Amino acid sequence: MARIAGVDLPRTKRIETGLTYIYGIGDHRAGVILQEAGVDPNVRIKDLSEDEVRKIAQVIEEQGRVEGDLRKQTTMDIKRLMEIGCFRGLRHRRNLPVRGQRTHTNARTRKGPRKGAVAKKRTE
């Protein structure tokens, strides 16, 4: 099992797909990384040599943030927005959609399950 950037990659998948398991690497960036490292994107992860894994890890390290560093940067950006009190920061603070989506009917993923109307007790 290849371990790159602190992530165990699935052995049976193609390396191009396997790299996307690393936070911060998508389909396009995976292709760019493999091209720079000179590795065939169709090779399975279990068939990679140690030298190829080392080349891929080196290219990822040179390119910039992935995994922990990127997660930390993202959370710091959100905290900064919340501290300065801008509109996006307020939306993050209230757990509402940030990018202008409607909330009257949708946004259940962000808002959570519906809070049903509580019936009043009748006094007789």
PDB file of N, CA and C in Angstrom:
ATOM      1  N   MET A   1       0.847  -1.188   0.000  1.00  0.00           N
ATOM      2  CA  MET A   1       0.000   0.000   0.000  1.00  0.00           C
ATOM      3  C   MET A   1       0.883   1.237   0.000  1.00  0.00           C
ATOM      4  N   ALA A   2       0.684   2.094  -0.983  1.00  0.00           N
ATOM      5  CA  ALA A   2       1.471   3.319  -1.099  1.00  0.00           C
ATOM      6  C   ALA A   2       0.936   4.355  -0.117  1.00  0.00           C
ATOM      7  N   ARG A   3       1.847   5.046   0.535  1.00  0.00           N
ATOM      8  CA  ARG A   3       1.460   6.090   1.487  1.00  0.00           C
ATOM      9  C   ARG A   3       2.091   7.393   1.025  1.00  0.00           C
ATOM     10  N   ILE A   4       1.244   8.320   0.602  1.00  0.00           N
ATOM     11  CA  ILE A   4       1.720   9.610   0.113  1.00  0.00           C
ATOM     12  C   ILE A   4       1.000  10.703   0.889  1.00  0.00           C
ATOM     13  N   ALA A   5       1.744  11.672   1.382  1.00  0.00           N
ATOM     14  CA  ALA A   5       1.209  12.819   2.128  1.00  0.00           C
ATOM     15  C   ALA A   5       0.376  12.370   3.320  1.00  0.00           C
ATOM     16  N   GLY A   6       0.774  11.250   3.942  1.00  0.00           N
ATOM     17  CA  GLY A   6       0.080  10.770   5.130  1.00  0.00           C
ATOM     18  C   GLY A   6      -1.214  10.043   4.855  1.00  0.00           C
ATOM     19  N   VAL A   7      -1.473   9.694   3.597  1.00  0.00           N
ATOM     20  CA  VAL A   7      -2.715   9.005   3.228  1.00  0.00           C
ATOM     21  C   VAL A   7      -2.378   7.669   2.587  1.00  0.00           C
ATOM     22  N   ASP A   8      -3.030   6.610   3.057  1.00  0.00           N
ATOM     23  CA  ASP A   8      -2.870   5.293   2.435  1.00  0.00           C
ATOM     24  C   ASP A   8      -3.762   5.237   1.200  1.00  0.00           C
ATOM     25  N   LEU A   9      -3.155   5.034   0.048  1.00  0.00           N
ATOM     26  CA  LEU A   9      -3.913   4.989  -1.204  1.00  0.00           C
ATOM     27  C   LEU A   9      -4.426   3.572  -1.449  1.00  0.00           C
ATOM     28  N   PRO A  10      -5.629   3.421  -2.002  1.00  0.00           N
ATOM     29  CA  PRO A  10      -6.181   2.079  -2.266  1.00  0.00           C
ATOM     30  C   PRO A  10      -5.362   1.352  -3.322  1.00  0.00           C
ATOM     31  N   ARG A  11      -5.005   0.111  -3.045  1.00  0.00           N
ATOM     32  CA  ARG A  11      -4.067  -0.644  -3.883  1.00  0.00           C
ATOM     33  C   ARG A  11      -4.602  -0.968  -5.273  1.00  0.00           C
ATOM     34  N   THR A  12      -5.885  -1.232  -5.395  1.00  0.00           N
ATOM     35  CA  THR A  12      -6.403  -1.760  -6.658  1.00  0.00           C
ATOM     36  C   THR A  12      -6.758  -0.683  -7.677  1.00  0.00           C
ATOM     37  N   LYS A  13      -6.775   0.574  -7.280  1.00  0.00           N
ATOM     38  CA  LYS A  13      -7.189   1.643  -8.200  1.00  0.00           C
ATOM     39  C   LYS A  13      -6.011   2.135  -9.038  1.00  0.00           C
ATOM     40  N   ARG A  14      -6.358   2.790 -10.165  1.00  0.00           N
ATOM     41  CA  ARG A  14      -5.334   3.437 -10.981  1.00  0.00           C
ATOM     42  C   ARG A  14      -4.741   4.579 -10.175  1.00  0.00           C
ATOM     43  N   ILE A  15      -3.478   4.902 -10.413  1.00  0.00           N
ATOM     44  CA  ILE A  15      -2.799   5.942  -9.637  1.00  0.00           C
ATOM     45  C   ILE A  15      -3.466   7.296  -9.834  1.00  0.00           C
ATOM     46  N   GLU A  16      -3.995   7.553 -11.034  1.00  0.00           N
ATOM     47  CA  GLU A  16      -4.648   8.831 -11.300  1.00  0.00           C
ATOM     48  C   GLU A  16      -5.881   9.013 -10.406  1.00  0.00           C
ATOM     49  N   THR A  17      -6.629   7.958 -10.206  1.00  0.00           N
ATOM     50  CA  THR A  17      -7.800   8.007  -9.334  1.00  0.00           C
ATOM     51  C   THR A  17      -7.387   7.958  -7.869  1.00  0.00           C
ATOM     52  N   GLY A  18      -6.383   7.164  -7.560  1.00  0.00           N
ATOM     53  CA  GLY A  18      -5.930   7.007  -6.175  1.00  0.00           C
ATOM     54  C   GLY A  18      -5.420   8.299  -5.571  1.00  0.00           C
ATOM     55  N   LEU A  19      -4.779   9.143  -6.374  1.00  0.00           N
ATOM     56  CA  LEU A  19      -4.257  10.412  -5.855  1.00  0.00           C
ATOM     57  C   LEU A  19      -5.375  11.334  -5.380  1.00  0.00           C
ATOM     58  N   THR A  20      -6.584  11.163  -5.934  1.00  0.00           N
ATOM     59  CA  THR A  20      -7.685  12.036  -5.536  1.00  0.00           C
ATOM     60  C   THR A  20      -8.159  11.739  -4.112  1.00  0.00           C
ATOM     61  N   TYR A  21      -7.685  10.673  -3.479  1.00  0.00           N
ATOM     62  CA  TYR A  21      -8.011  10.376  -2.093  1.00  0.00           C
ATOM     63  C   TYR A  21      -7.278  11.327  -1.150  1.00  0.00           C
ATOM     64  N   ILE A  22      -6.290  12.046  -1.671  1.00  0.00           N
ATOM     65  CA  ILE A  22      -5.553  13.028  -0.872  1.00  0.00           C
ATOM     66  C   ILE A  22      -6.322  14.338  -0.919  1.00  0.00           C
ATOM     67  N   TYR A  23      -6.587  14.931   0.252  1.00  0.00           N
ATOM     68  CA  TYR A  23      -7.342  16.175   0.339  1.00  0.00           C
ATOM     69  C   TYR A  23      -6.575  17.273  -0.388  1.00  0.00           C
ATOM     70  N   GLY A  24      -7.225  17.921  -1.343  1.00  0.00           N
ATOM     71  CA  GLY A  24      -6.584  18.994  -2.090  1.00  0.00           C
ATOM     72  C   GLY A  24      -6.121  18.587  -3.467  1.00  0.00           C
ATOM     73  N   ILE A  25      -6.282  17.302  -3.814  1.00  0.00           N
ATOM     74  CA  ILE A  25      -5.902  16.833  -5.148  1.00  0.00           C
ATOM     75  C   ILE A  25      -7.145  16.288  -5.829  1.00  0.00           C
ATOM     76  N   GLY A  26      -7.504  16.897  -6.955  1.00  0.00           N
ATOM     77  CA  GLY A  26      -8.645  16.447  -7.747  1.00  0.00           C
ATOM     78  C   GLY A  26      -8.162  15.748  -9.007  1.00  0.00           C
ATOM     79  N   ASP A  27      -9.074  15.530  -9.933  1.00  0.00           N
ATOM     80  CA  ASP A  27      -8.741  14.820 -11.172  1.00  0.00           C
ATOM     81  C   ASP A  27      -7.676  15.560 -11.979  1.00  0.00           C
ATOM     82  N   HIS A  28      -7.873  16.854 -12.173  1.00  0.00           N
ATOM     83  CA  HIS A  28      -6.942  17.615 -13.006  1.00  0.00           C
ATOM     84  C   HIS A  28      -5.554  17.674 -12.372  1.00  0.00           C
ATOM     85  N   ARG A  29      -5.500  18.014 -11.091  1.00  0.00           N
ATOM     86  CA  ARG A  29      -4.200  18.138 -10.424  1.00  0.00           C
ATOM     87  C   ARG A  29      -3.477  16.793 -10.372  1.00  0.00           C
ATOM     88  N   ALA A  30      -4.213  15.702 -10.235  1.00  0.00           N
ATOM     89  CA  ALA A  30      -3.598  14.373 -10.243  1.00  0.00           C
ATOM     90  C   ALA A  30      -2.911  14.120 -11.583  1.00  0.00           C
ATOM     91  N   GLY A  31      -3.572  14.498 -12.677  1.00  0.00           N
ATOM     92  CA  GLY A  31      -2.970  14.321 -14.000  1.00  0.00           C
ATOM     93  C   GLY A  31      -1.716  15.145 -14.170  1.00  0.00           C
ATOM     94  N   VAL A  32      -1.744  16.390 -13.674  1.00  0.00           N
ATOM     95  CA  VAL A  32      -0.571  17.265 -13.765  1.00  0.00           C
ATOM     96  C   VAL A  32       0.588  16.689 -12.955  1.00  0.00           C
ATOM     97  N   ILE A  33       0.298  16.185 -11.761  1.00  0.00           N
ATOM     98  CA  ILE A  33       1.335  15.611 -10.894  1.00  0.00           C
ATOM     99  C   ILE A  33       1.991  14.413 -11.574  1.00  0.00           C
ATOM    100  N   LEU A  34       1.176  13.530 -12.155  1.00  0.00           N
ATOM    101  CA  LEU A  34       1.725  12.337 -12.804  1.00  0.00           C
ATOM    102  C   LEU A  34       2.540  12.698 -14.039  1.00  0.00           C
ATOM    103  N   GLN A  35       2.121  13.726 -14.748  1.00  0.00           N
ATOM    104  CA  GLN A  35       2.871  14.146 -15.930  1.00  0.00           C
ATOM    105  C   GLN A  35       4.242  14.683 -15.520  1.00  0.00           C
ATOM    106  N   GLU A  36       4.264  15.503 -14.459  1.00  0.00           N
ATOM    107  CA  GLU A  36       5.546  16.033 -13.983  1.00  0.00           C
ATOM    108  C   GLU A  36       6.449  14.935 -13.454  1.00  0.00           C
ATOM    109  N   ALA A  37       5.870  13.938 -12.780  1.00  0.00           N
ATOM    110  CA  ALA A  37       6.662  12.853 -12.204  1.00  0.00           C
ATOM    111  C   ALA A  37       7.074  11.833 -13.264  1.00  0.00           C
ATOM    112  N   GLY A  38       6.425  11.886 -14.427  1.00  0.00           N
ATOM    113  CA  GLY A  38       6.757  10.944 -15.487  1.00  0.00           C
ATOM    114  C   GLY A  38       6.241   9.548 -15.228  1.00  0.00           C
ATOM    115  N   VAL A  39       5.052   9.451 -14.628  1.00  0.00           N
ATOM    116  CA  VAL A  39       4.454   8.160 -14.303  1.00  0.00           C
ATOM    117  C   VAL A  39       3.217   7.972 -15.170  1.00  0.00           C
ATOM    118  N   ASP A  40       3.019   6.756 -15.673  1.00  0.00           N
ATOM    119  CA  ASP A  40       1.853   6.437 -16.493  1.00  0.00           C
ATOM    120  C   ASP A  40       0.597   6.466 -15.630  1.00  0.00           C
ATOM    121  N   PRO A  41      -0.438   7.246 -16.005  1.00  0.00           N
ATOM    122  CA  PRO A  41      -1.643   7.344 -15.171  1.00  0.00           C
ATOM    123  C   PRO A  41      -2.467   6.069 -15.109  1.00  0.00           C
ATOM    124  N   ASN A  42      -2.221   5.114 -16.016  1.00  0.00           N
ATOM    125  CA  ASN A  42      -3.004   3.882 -16.040  1.00  0.00           C
ATOM    126  C   ASN A  42      -2.447   2.782 -15.145  1.00  0.00           C
ATOM    127  N   VAL A  43      -1.308   3.006 -14.529  1.00  0.00           N
ATOM    128  CA  VAL A  43      -0.691   1.997 -13.669  1.00  0.00           C
ATOM    129  C   VAL A  43      -1.487   1.868 -12.373  1.00  0.00           C
ATOM    130  N   ARG A  44      -1.643   0.646 -11.902  1.00  0.00           N
ATOM    131  CA  ARG A  44      -2.310   0.416 -10.615  1.00  0.00           C
ATOM    132  C   ARG A  44      -1.332   0.749  -9.486  1.00  0.00           C
ATOM    133  N   ILE A  45      -1.876   1.166  -8.362  1.00  0.00           N
ATOM    134  CA  ILE A  45      -1.030   1.599  -7.238  1.00  0.00           C
ATOM    135  C   ILE A  45      -0.168   0.450  -6.743  1.00  0.00           C
ATOM    136  N   LYS A  46      -0.700  -0.766  -6.758  1.00  0.00           N
ATOM    137  CA  LYS A  46       0.078  -1.918  -6.274  1.00  0.00           C
ATOM    138  C   LYS A  46       1.270  -2.219  -7.181  1.00  0.00           C
ATOM    139  N   ASP A  47       1.225  -1.756  -8.435  1.00  0.00           N
ATOM    140  CA  ASP A  47       2.309  -2.027  -9.386  1.00  0.00           C
ATOM    141  C   ASP A  47       3.369  -0.929  -9.419  1.00  0.00           C
ATOM    142  N   LEU A  48       3.217   0.112  -8.604  1.00  0.00           N
ATOM    143  CA  LEU A  48       4.201   1.204  -8.592  1.00  0.00           C
ATOM    144  C   LEU A  48       5.486   0.771  -7.906  1.00  0.00           C
ATOM    145  N   SER A  49       6.605   1.250  -8.426  1.00  0.00           N
ATOM    146  CA  SER A  49       7.874   0.990  -7.756  1.00  0.00           C
ATOM    147  C   SER A  49       8.093   2.046  -6.674  1.00  0.00           C
ATOM    148  N   GLU A  50       9.007   1.786  -5.769  1.00  0.00           N
ATOM    149  CA  GLU A  50       9.320   2.737  -4.696  1.00  0.00           C
ATOM    150  C   GLU A  50       9.827   4.054  -5.276  1.00  0.00           C
ATOM    151  N   ASP A  51      10.590   3.952  -6.374  1.00  0.00           N
ATOM    152  CA  ASP A  51      11.136   5.147  -7.011  1.00  0.00           C
ATOM    153  C   ASP A  51      10.013   6.041  -7.552  1.00  0.00           C
ATOM    154  N   GLU A  52       8.996   5.423  -8.181  1.00  0.00           N
ATOM    155  CA  GLU A  52       7.871   6.190  -8.716  1.00  0.00           C
ATOM    156  C   GLU A  52       7.071   6.849  -7.600  1.00  0.00           C
ATOM    157  N   VAL A  53       6.861   6.128  -6.507  1.00  0.00           N
ATOM    158  CA  VAL A  53       6.139   6.697  -5.365  1.00  0.00           C
ATOM    159  C   VAL A  53       6.904   7.890  -4.811  1.00  0.00           C
ATOM    160  N   ARG A  54       8.221   7.770  -4.740  1.00  0.00           N
ATOM    161  CA  ARG A  54       9.062   8.856  -4.234  1.00  0.00           C
ATOM    162  C   ARG A  54       8.976  10.084  -5.153  1.00  0.00           C
ATOM    163  N   LYS A  55       8.982   9.860  -6.465  1.00  0.00           N
ATOM    164  CA  LYS A  55       8.871  10.965  -7.427  1.00  0.00           C
ATOM    165  C   LYS A  55       7.536  11.694  -7.263  1.00  0.00           C
ATOM    166  N   ILE A  56       6.454  10.921  -7.135  1.00  0.00           N
ATOM    167  CA  ILE A  56       5.121  11.512  -6.986  1.00  0.00           C
ATOM    168  C   ILE A  56       5.050  12.330  -5.701  1.00  0.00           C
ATOM    169  N   ALA A  57       5.564  11.778  -4.608  1.00  0.00           N
ATOM    170  CA  ALA A  57       5.542  12.485  -3.327  1.00  0.00           C
ATOM    171  C   ALA A  57       6.345  13.780  -3.406  1.00  0.00           C
ATOM    172  N   GLN A  58       7.457  13.742  -4.121  1.00  0.00           N
ATOM    173  CA  GLN A  58       8.301  14.931  -4.255  1.00  0.00           C
ATOM    174  C   GLN A  58       7.581  16.021  -5.052  1.00  0.00           C
ATOM    175  N   VAL A  59       6.896  15.638  -6.137  1.00  0.00           N
ATOM    176  CA  VAL A  59       6.161  16.616  -6.946  1.00  0.00           C
ATOM    177  C   VAL A  59       5.037  17.243  -6.126  1.00  0.00           C
ATOM    178  N   ILE A  60       4.328  16.426  -5.345  1.00  0.00           N
ATOM    179  CA  ILE A  60       3.240  16.939  -4.505  1.00  0.00           C
ATOM    180  C   ILE A  60       3.787  17.926  -3.487  1.00  0.00           C
ATOM    181  N   GLU A  61       4.924  17.604  -2.904  1.00  0.00           N
ATOM    182  CA  GLU A  61       5.539  18.483  -1.901  1.00  0.00           C
ATOM    183  C   GLU A  61       5.958  19.816  -2.522  1.00  0.00           C
ATOM    184  N   GLU A  62       6.477  19.772  -3.743  1.00  0.00           N
ATOM    185  CA  GLU A  62       6.906  20.993  -4.426  1.00  0.00           C
ATOM    186  C   GLU A  62       5.723  21.873  -4.796  1.00  0.00           C
ATOM    187  N   GLN A  63       4.597  21.261  -5.178  1.00  0.00           N
ATOM    188  CA  GLN A  63       3.449  22.020  -5.683  1.00  0.00           C
ATOM    189  C   GLN A  63       2.750  22.848  -4.623  1.00  0.00           C
ATOM    190  N   GLY A  64       2.744  22.397  -3.403  1.00  0.00           N
ATOM    191  CA  GLY A  64       2.090  23.212  -2.389  1.00  0.00           C
ATOM    192  C   GLY A  64       1.237  22.431  -1.433  1.00  0.00           C
ATOM    193  N   ARG A  65       0.264  23.115  -0.855  1.00  0.00           N
ATOM    194  CA  ARG A  65      -0.511  22.577   0.254  1.00  0.00           C
ATOM    195  C   ARG A  65      -1.415  21.413  -0.135  1.00  0.00           C
ATOM    196  N   VAL A  66      -1.395  20.388   0.707  1.00  0.00           N
ATOM    197  CA  VAL A  66      -2.349  19.291   0.658  1.00  0.00           C
ATOM    198  C   VAL A  66      -2.586  18.828   2.087  1.00  0.00           C
ATOM    199  N   GLU A  67      -3.635  18.050   2.289  1.00  0.00           N
ATOM    200  CA  GLU A  67      -3.986  17.456   3.576  1.00  0.00           C
ATOM    201  C   GLU A  67      -3.999  18.450   4.732  1.00  0.00           C
ATOM    202  N   GLY A  68      -3.207  18.237   5.766  1.00  0.00           N
ATOM    203  CA  GLY A  68      -3.280  19.016   6.998  1.00  0.00           C
ATOM    204  C   GLY A  68      -3.079  20.505   6.809  1.00  0.00           C
ATOM    205  N   ASP A  69      -2.082  20.887   6.030  1.00  0.00           N
ATOM    206  CA  ASP A  69      -1.807  22.307   5.804  1.00  0.00           C
ATOM    207  C   ASP A  69      -2.994  22.990   5.119  1.00  0.00           C
ATOM    208  N   LEU A  70      -3.568  22.325   4.138  1.00  0.00           N
ATOM    209  CA  LEU A  70      -4.692  22.902   3.397  1.00  0.00           C
ATOM    210  C   LEU A  70      -5.939  22.992   4.272  1.00  0.00           C
ATOM    211  N   ARG A  71      -6.194  21.956   5.074  1.00  0.00           N
ATOM    212  CA  ARG A  71      -7.344  21.981   5.987  1.00  0.00           C
ATOM    213  C   ARG A  71      -7.186  23.116   6.992  1.00  0.00           C
ATOM    214  N   LYS A  72      -5.973  23.275   7.522  1.00  0.00           N
ATOM    215  CA  LYS A  72      -5.709  24.336   8.491  1.00  0.00           C
ATOM    216  C   LYS A  72      -5.917  25.705   7.860  1.00  0.00           C
ATOM    217  N   GLN A  73      -5.436  25.884   6.633  1.00  0.00           N
ATOM    218  CA  GLN A  73      -5.593  27.153   5.924  1.00  0.00           C
ATOM    219  C   GLN A  73      -7.066  27.471   5.697  1.00  0.00           C
ATOM    220  N   THR A  74      -7.850  26.457   5.308  1.00  0.00           N
ATOM    221  CA  THR A  74      -9.271  26.652   5.050  1.00  0.00           C
ATOM    222  C   THR A  74     -10.001  27.067   6.328  1.00  0.00           C
ATOM    223  N   THR A  75      -9.732  26.384   7.436  1.00  0.00           N
ATOM    224  CA  THR A  75     -10.407  26.740   8.687  1.00  0.00           C
ATOM    225  C   THR A  75      -9.987  28.122   9.167  1.00  0.00           C
ATOM    226  N   MET A  76      -8.726  28.485   8.949  1.00  0.00           N
ATOM    227  CA  MET A  76      -8.278  29.826   9.348  1.00  0.00           C
ATOM    228  C   MET A  76      -8.959  30.898   8.501  1.00  0.00           C
ATOM    229  N   ASP A  77      -9.163  30.635   7.213  1.00  0.00           N
ATOM    230  CA  ASP A  77      -9.863  31.585   6.347  1.00  0.00           C
ATOM    231  C   ASP A  77     -11.302  31.798   6.823  1.00  0.00           C
ATOM    232  N   ILE A  78     -11.976  30.707   7.198  1.00  0.00           N
ATOM    233  CA  ILE A  78     -13.352  30.802   7.664  1.00  0.00           C
ATOM    234  C   ILE A  78     -13.403  31.549   9.004  1.00  0.00           C
ATOM    235  N   LYS A  79     -12.457  31.255   9.898  1.00  0.00           N
ATOM    236  CA  LYS A  79     -12.406  31.963  11.190  1.00  0.00           C
ATOM    237  C   LYS A  79     -12.198  33.454  10.988  1.00  0.00           C
ATOM    238  N   ARG A  80     -11.331  33.812  10.031  1.00  0.00           N
ATOM    239  CA  ARG A  80     -11.070  35.219   9.751  1.00  0.00           C
ATOM    240  C   ARG A  80     -12.343  35.910   9.284  1.00  0.00           C
ATOM    241  N   LEU A  81     -13.101  35.266   8.393  1.00  0.00           N
ATOM    242  CA  LEU A  81     -14.355  35.838   7.914  1.00  0.00           C
ATOM    243  C   LEU A  81     -15.332  36.045   9.072  1.00  0.00           C
ATOM    244  N   MET A  82     -15.368  35.088  10.000  1.00  0.00           N
ATOM    245  CA  MET A  82     -16.279  35.201  11.127  1.00  0.00           C
ATOM    246  C   MET A  82     -15.849  36.326  12.067  1.00  0.00           C
ATOM    247  N   GLU A  83     -14.544  36.486  12.266  1.00  0.00           N
ATOM    248  CA  GLU A  83     -14.044  37.517  13.179  1.00  0.00           C
ATOM    249  C   GLU A  83     -14.294  38.929  12.652  1.00  0.00           C
ATOM    250  N   ILE A  84     -14.123  39.136  11.343  1.00  0.00           N
ATOM    251  CA  ILE A  84     -14.305  40.486  10.827  1.00  0.00           C
ATOM    252  C   ILE A  84     -15.787  40.823  10.661  1.00  0.00           C
ATOM    253  N   GLY A  85     -16.650  39.808  10.781  1.00  0.00           N
ATOM    254  CA  GLY A  85     -18.090  40.066  10.773  1.00  0.00           C
ATOM    255  C   GLY A  85     -18.671  40.373   9.417  1.00  0.00           C
ATOM    256  N   CYS A  86     -18.039  39.899   8.352  1.00  0.00           N
ATOM    257  CA  CYS A  86     -18.590  40.134   7.024  1.00  0.00           C
ATOM    258  C   CYS A  86     -19.801  39.212   6.806  1.00  0.00           C
ATOM    259  N   PHE A  87     -20.513  39.426   5.710  1.00  0.00           N
ATOM    260  CA  PHE A  87     -21.720  38.657   5.443  1.00  0.00           C
ATOM    261  C   PHE A  87     -21.427  37.163   5.395  1.00  0.00           C
ATOM    262  N   ARG A  88     -20.372  36.775   4.679  1.00  0.00           N
ATOM    263  CA  ARG A  88     -20.030  35.353   4.582  1.00  0.00           C
ATOM    264  C   ARG A  88     -19.696  34.777   5.951  1.00  0.00           C
ATOM    265  N   GLY A  89     -19.016  35.568   6.787  1.00  0.00           N
ATOM    266  CA  GLY A  89     -18.686  35.109   8.128  1.00  0.00           C
ATOM    267  C   GLY A  89     -19.928  34.889   8.975  1.00  0.00           C
ATOM    268  N   LEU A  90     -20.909  35.794   8.843  1.00  0.00           N
ATOM    269  CA  LEU A  90     -22.158  35.636   9.592  1.00  0.00           C
ATOM    270  C   LEU A  90     -22.904  34.387   9.146  1.00  0.00           C
ATOM    271  N   ARG A  91     -22.902  34.105   7.835  1.00  0.00           N
ATOM    272  CA  ARG A  91     -23.568  32.909   7.332  1.00  0.00           C
ATOM    273  C   ARG A  91     -22.897  31.651   7.870  1.00  0.00           C
ATOM    274  N   HIS A  92     -21.557  31.653   7.933  1.00  0.00           N
ATOM    275  CA  HIS A  92     -20.849  30.516   8.515  1.00  0.00           C
ATOM    276  C   HIS A  92     -21.226  30.356   9.980  1.00  0.00           C
ATOM    277  N   ARG A  93     -21.273  31.448  10.709  1.00  0.00           N
ATOM    278  CA  ARG A  93     -21.571  31.407  12.140  1.00  0.00           C
ATOM    279  C   ARG A  93     -22.961  30.842  12.399  1.00  0.00           C
ATOM    280  N   ARG A  94     -23.929  31.174  11.529  1.00  0.00           N
ATOM    281  CA  ARG A  94     -25.305  30.717  11.713  1.00  0.00           C
ATOM    282  C   ARG A  94     -25.608  29.387  11.032  1.00  0.00           C
ATOM    283  N   ASN A  95     -24.599  28.761  10.440  1.00  0.00           N
ATOM    284  CA  ASN A  95     -24.768  27.492   9.712  1.00  0.00           C
ATOM    285  C   ASN A  95     -25.833  27.588   8.630  1.00  0.00           C
ATOM    286  N   LEU A  96     -25.722  28.635   7.828  1.00  0.00           N
ATOM    287  CA  LEU A  96     -26.617  28.824   6.687  1.00  0.00           C
ATOM    288  C   LEU A  96     -25.786  28.807   5.409  1.00  0.00           C
ATOM    289  N   PRO A  97     -26.413  28.617   4.240  1.00  0.00           N
ATOM    290  CA  PRO A  97     -25.653  28.632   2.988  1.00  0.00           C
ATOM    291  C   PRO A  97     -24.935  29.967   2.807  1.00  0.00           C
ATOM    292  N   VAL A  98     -23.707  29.895   2.308  1.00  0.00           N
ATOM    293  CA  VAL A  98     -22.843  31.066   2.249  1.00  0.00           C
ATOM    294  C   VAL A  98     -22.911  31.746   0.890  1.00  0.00           C
ATOM    295  N   ARG A  99     -23.197  31.005  -0.148  1.00  0.00           N
ATOM    296  CA  ARG A  99     -23.019  31.529  -1.506  1.00  0.00           C
ATOM    297  C   ARG A  99     -24.305  31.926  -2.191  1.00  0.00           C
ATOM    298  N   GLY A 100     -25.260  32.480  -1.456  1.00  0.00           N
ATOM    299  CA  GLY A 100     -26.428  33.072  -2.076  1.00  0.00           C
ATOM    300  C   GLY A 100     -27.560  32.130  -2.426  1.00  0.00           C
ATOM    301  N   GLN A 101     -27.516  30.879  -1.950  1.00  0.00           N
ATOM    302  CA  GLN A 101     -28.605  29.966  -2.275  1.00  0.00           C
ATOM    303  C   GLN A 101     -29.855  30.341  -1.488  1.00  0.00           C
ATOM    304  N   ARG A 102     -31.006  29.911  -1.991  1.00  0.00           N
ATOM    305  CA  ARG A 102     -32.257  30.194  -1.292  1.00  0.00           C
ATOM    306  C   ARG A 102     -32.373  29.302  -0.057  1.00  0.00           C
ATOM    307  N   THR A 103     -33.042  29.790   0.966  1.00  0.00           N
ATOM    308  CA  THR A 103     -33.181  29.015   2.196  1.00  0.00           C
ATOM    309  C   THR A 103     -34.639  28.822   2.597  1.00  0.00           C
ATOM    310  N   HIS A 104     -35.554  29.467   1.895  1.00  0.00           N
ATOM    311  CA  HIS A 104     -36.961  29.345   2.280  1.00  0.00           C
ATOM    312  C   HIS A 104     -37.430  27.896   2.173  1.00  0.00           C
ATOM    313  N   THR A 105     -37.081  27.217   1.082  1.00  0.00           N
ATOM    314  CA  THR A 105     -37.515  25.833   0.937  1.00  0.00           C
ATOM    315  C   THR A 105     -36.361  24.852   1.036  1.00  0.00           C
ATOM    316  N   ASN A 106     -35.229  25.163   0.470  1.00  0.00           N
ATOM    317  CA  ASN A 106     -34.150  24.182   0.404  1.00  0.00           C
ATOM    318  C   ASN A 106     -33.137  24.382   1.523  1.00  0.00           C
ATOM    319  N   ALA A 107     -31.896  24.016   1.307  1.00  0.00           N
ATOM    320  CA  ALA A 107     -30.781  24.182   2.248  1.00  0.00           C
ATOM    321  C   ALA A 107     -30.875  23.239   3.432  1.00  0.00           C
ATOM    322  N   ARG A 108     -31.524  22.081   3.270  1.00  0.00           N
ATOM    323  CA  ARG A 108     -31.667  21.160   4.396  1.00  0.00           C
ATOM    324  C   ARG A 108     -30.327  20.549   4.792  1.00  0.00           C
ATOM    325  N   THR A 109     -29.409  20.382   3.863  1.00  0.00           N
ATOM    326  CA  THR A 109     -28.107  19.826   4.204  1.00  0.00           C
ATOM    327  C   THR A 109     -27.389  20.735   5.186  1.00  0.00           C
ATOM    328  N   ARG A 110     -27.421  22.008   4.925  1.00  0.00           N
ATOM    329  CA  ARG A 110     -26.709  22.969   5.752  1.00  0.00           C
ATOM    330  C   ARG A 110     -27.459  23.274   7.054  1.00  0.00           C
ATOM    331  N   LYS A 111     -28.803  23.380   6.972  1.00  0.00           N
ATOM    332  CA  LYS A 111     -29.583  23.763   8.145  1.00  0.00           C
ATOM    333  C   LYS A 111     -29.885  22.591   9.068  1.00  0.00           C
ATOM    334  N   GLY A 112     -29.829  21.363   8.554  1.00  0.00           N
ATOM    335  CA  GLY A 112     -30.136  20.194   9.368  1.00  0.00           C
ATOM    336  C   GLY A 112     -31.591  19.796   9.225  1.00  0.00           C
ATOM    337  N   PRO A 113     -32.007  18.790   9.994  1.00  0.00           N
ATOM    338  CA  PRO A 113     -33.389  18.330   9.873  1.00  0.00           C
ATOM    339  C   PRO A 113     -34.396  19.399  10.296  1.00  0.00           C
ATOM    340  N   ARG A 114     -35.590  19.303   9.729  1.00  0.00           N
ATOM    341  CA  ARG A 114     -36.634  20.299  10.018  1.00  0.00           C
ATOM    342  C   ARG A 114     -37.029  20.244  11.477  1.00  0.00           C
ATOM    343  N   LYS A 115     -37.302  21.400  12.017  1.00  0.00           N
ATOM    344  CA  LYS A 115     -37.833  21.480  13.370  1.00  0.00           C
ATOM    345  C   LYS A 115     -39.334  21.653  13.228  1.00  0.00           C
ATOM    346  N   GLY A 116     -40.076  20.607  13.546  1.00  0.00           N
ATOM    347  CA  GLY A 116     -41.518  20.628  13.346  1.00  0.00           C
ATOM    348  C   GLY A 116     -42.206  21.620  14.264  1.00  0.00           C
ATOM    349  N   ALA A 117     -43.382  22.042  13.851  1.00  0.00           N
ATOM    350  CA  ALA A 117     -44.166  22.975  14.661  1.00  0.00           C
ATOM    351  C   ALA A 117     -44.670  22.248  15.902  1.00  0.00           C
ATOM    352  N   VAL A 118     -44.500  22.869  17.056  1.00  0.00           N
ATOM    353  CA  VAL A 118     -44.921  22.260  18.308  1.00  0.00           C
ATOM    354  C   VAL A 118     -46.370  22.660  18.563  1.00  0.00           C
ATOM    355  N   ALA A 119     -47.240  21.655  18.799  1.00  0.00           N
ATOM    356  CA  ALA A 119     -48.652  21.915  19.031  1.00  0.00           C
ATOM    357  C   ALA A 119     -48.843  22.439  20.455  1.00  0.00           C
ATOM    358  N   LYS A 120     -49.774  23.398  20.598  1.00  0.00           N
ATOM    359  CA  LYS A 120     -50.055  23.946  21.922  1.00  0.00           C
ATOM    360  C   LYS A 120     -50.952  22.983  22.698  1.00  0.00           C
ATOM    361  N   LYS A 121     -50.766  22.959  23.999  1.00  0.00           N
ATOM    362  CA  LYS A 121     -51.635  22.132  24.838  1.00  0.00           C
ATOM    363  C   LYS A 121     -52.937  22.901  25.088  1.00  0.00           C
ATOM    364  N   ARG A 122     -54.040  22.181  24.974  1.00  0.00           N
ATOM    365  CA  ARG A 122     -55.328  22.835  25.206  1.00  0.00           C
ATOM    366  C   ARG A 122     -55.644  22.794  26.690  1.00  0.00           C
ATOM    367  N   THR A 123     -56.127  23.885  27.173  1.00  0.00           N
ATOM    368  CA  THR A 123     -56.552  23.929  28.572  1.00  0.00           C
ATOM    369  C   THR A 123     -58.073  23.879  28.600  1.00  0.00           C
ATOM    370  N   GLU A 124     -58.626  22.818  29.122  1.00  0.00           N
ATOM    371  CA  GLU A 124     -60.076  22.663  29.157  1.00  0.00           C
ATOM    372  C   GLU A 124     -60.589  22.633  30.558  1.00  0.00           C
TER     373      GLU A 124
END
